[in-house]
């Protein structure tokens, strides 16, 4: 099964962030995803929105991923978890807009989930 354009766009933006914020060389992967995205007209706004939201999620998760929960405190970790959940809801909504706009893939629907 071919990867839906909503997933390609999401992964592309995460790879861009990884390339900018780490020492990993992900240029080959970025080029591969970009090649796929270039065949879609009007995808740019969705890419910009996903990049912004995924960047915000990355920023919130960064210290937690590094094991700095003790420095942050449980209250801050909890606040970030709620903000990450809300941003993920926005991320899913953007991906669902891509699905609707390009008539490709499936929409994500949360069931019994606080972000719905």
Protein backbone atom coordinates (compact mmCIF):
# COMPACT_ATOMS: atom_id res chain seq x y z
CA UNK A 1 0.00 0.00 0.00
CA UNK A 2 1.29 3.43 -0.93
CA UNK A 3 1.70 5.86 1.98
CA UNK A 4 -1.09 8.50 2.00
CA UNK A 5 0.00 12.08 1.33
CA UNK A 6 -1.08 13.11 4.85
CA UNK A 7 1.49 10.70 6.32
CA UNK A 8 4.16 11.77 3.82
CA UNK A 9 3.60 15.42 4.79
CA UNK A 10 3.68 14.67 8.51
CA UNK A 11 6.85 12.57 8.29
CA UNK A 12 8.50 15.17 6.03
CA UNK A 13 7.99 17.92 8.61
CA UNK A 14 9.27 15.73 11.45
CA UNK A 15 12.36 14.85 9.41
CA UNK A 16 12.98 18.54 8.71
CA UNK A 17 12.87 19.22 12.43
CA UNK A 18 15.17 16.28 13.12
CA UNK A 19 17.63 17.56 10.52
CA UNK A 20 17.58 21.07 11.97
CA UNK A 21 17.64 20.15 15.65
CA UNK A 22 19.94 17.13 15.81
CA UNK A 23 23.25 16.05 14.33
CA UNK A 24 21.59 13.31 12.29
CA UNK A 25 21.92 13.47 8.52
CA UNK A 26 18.41 12.92 7.21
CA UNK A 27 18.93 14.73 3.90
CA UNK A 28 18.29 11.61 1.80
CA UNK A 29 14.98 10.91 3.56
CA UNK A 30 13.93 14.56 3.31
CA UNK A 31 14.69 14.57 -0.43
CA UNK A 32 12.67 11.38 -0.93
CA UNK A 33 9.63 12.77 0.88
CA UNK A 34 9.99 16.16 -0.83
CA UNK A 35 10.04 14.46 -4.23
CA UNK A 36 6.70 12.83 -3.40
CA UNK A 37 5.23 16.09 -2.06
CA UNK A 38 6.28 18.09 -5.13
CA UNK A 39 3.67 16.27 -7.21
CA UNK A 40 0.84 17.76 -5.12
CA UNK A 41 -0.42 21.21 -5.93
CA UNK A 42 -1.34 23.43 -2.94
CA UNK A 43 0.23 21.20 -0.27
CA UNK A 44 2.51 24.00 0.97
CA UNK A 45 0.10 25.53 3.50
CA UNK A 46 -0.53 22.13 5.05
CA UNK A 47 3.23 21.50 5.24
CA UNK A 48 3.75 24.87 6.95
CA UNK A 49 0.98 24.14 9.47
CA UNK A 50 2.30 20.65 10.25
CA UNK A 51 5.85 21.94 10.57
CA UNK A 52 4.72 24.61 13.07
CA UNK A 53 2.64 22.19 15.17
CA UNK A 54 5.25 19.42 15.10
CA UNK A 55 7.89 21.98 16.11
CA UNK A 56 5.80 23.03 19.09
CA UNK A 57 5.33 19.38 20.09
CA UNK A 58 9.09 18.79 19.70
CA UNK A 59 9.85 21.77 21.95
CA UNK A 60 7.46 20.56 24.65
CA UNK A 61 8.75 16.97 24.55
CA UNK A 62 12.45 17.80 24.33
CA UNK A 63 13.33 17.95 28.04
CA UNK A 64 11.02 15.05 28.84
CA UNK A 65 12.74 12.89 26.20
CA UNK A 66 16.06 13.82 27.76
CA UNK A 67 14.89 12.52 31.15
CA UNK A 68 14.66 15.90 32.83
CA UNK A 69 11.31 15.25 34.54
CA UNK A 70 12.90 15.79 37.95
CA UNK A 71 14.16 19.22 36.97
CA UNK A 72 10.83 20.19 35.45
CA UNK A 73 8.65 18.91 38.26
CA UNK A 74 5.50 16.85 37.92
CA UNK A 75 3.24 19.88 37.57
CA UNK A 76 5.21 21.11 34.53
CA UNK A 77 5.37 17.61 33.01
CA UNK A 78 1.60 17.33 33.42
CA UNK A 79 1.03 20.76 31.88
CA UNK A 80 3.20 19.81 28.93
CA UNK A 81 1.42 16.48 28.52
CA UNK A 82 -1.92 18.26 28.24
CA UNK A 83 -0.51 20.80 25.79
CA UNK A 84 1.05 18.00 23.72
CA UNK A 85 -2.30 16.19 23.66
CA UNK A 86 -4.01 19.35 22.43
CA UNK A 87 -1.36 19.99 19.79
CA UNK A 88 -1.63 16.38 18.63
CA UNK A 89 -5.35 16.99 18.20
CA UNK A 90 -4.49 19.97 15.97
CA UNK A 91 -1.95 17.83 14.10
CA UNK A 92 -4.57 15.14 13.44
CA UNK A 93 -7.03 17.79 12.25
CA UNK A 94 -4.47 19.10 9.74
CA UNK A 95 -3.76 15.57 8.50
CA UNK A 96 -7.51 14.99 8.15
CA UNK A 97 -7.80 18.21 6.11
CA UNK A 98 -5.12 16.85 3.79
CA UNK A 99 -7.06 13.60 3.41
CA UNK A 100 -10.25 15.55 2.62
CA UNK A 101 -8.52 17.97 0.24
CA UNK A 102 -6.59 15.37 -1.75
CA UNK A 103 -9.14 12.52 -1.43
CA UNK A 104 -6.42 10.10 -0.41
CA UNK A 105 -6.01 8.00 2.72
CA UNK A 106 -8.22 7.76 5.76
CA UNK A 107 -9.21 10.26 8.40
CA UNK A 108 -8.13 9.60 11.96
CA UNK A 109 -10.98 9.38 14.44
CA UNK A 110 -10.35 9.25 18.16
CA UNK A 111 -12.73 7.16 20.26
CA UNK A 112 -13.03 7.64 24.03
CA UNK A 113 -10.05 9.96 23.88
CA UNK A 114 -9.68 13.25 25.74
CA UNK A 115 -8.56 15.03 22.57
CA UNK A 116 -11.78 14.37 20.66
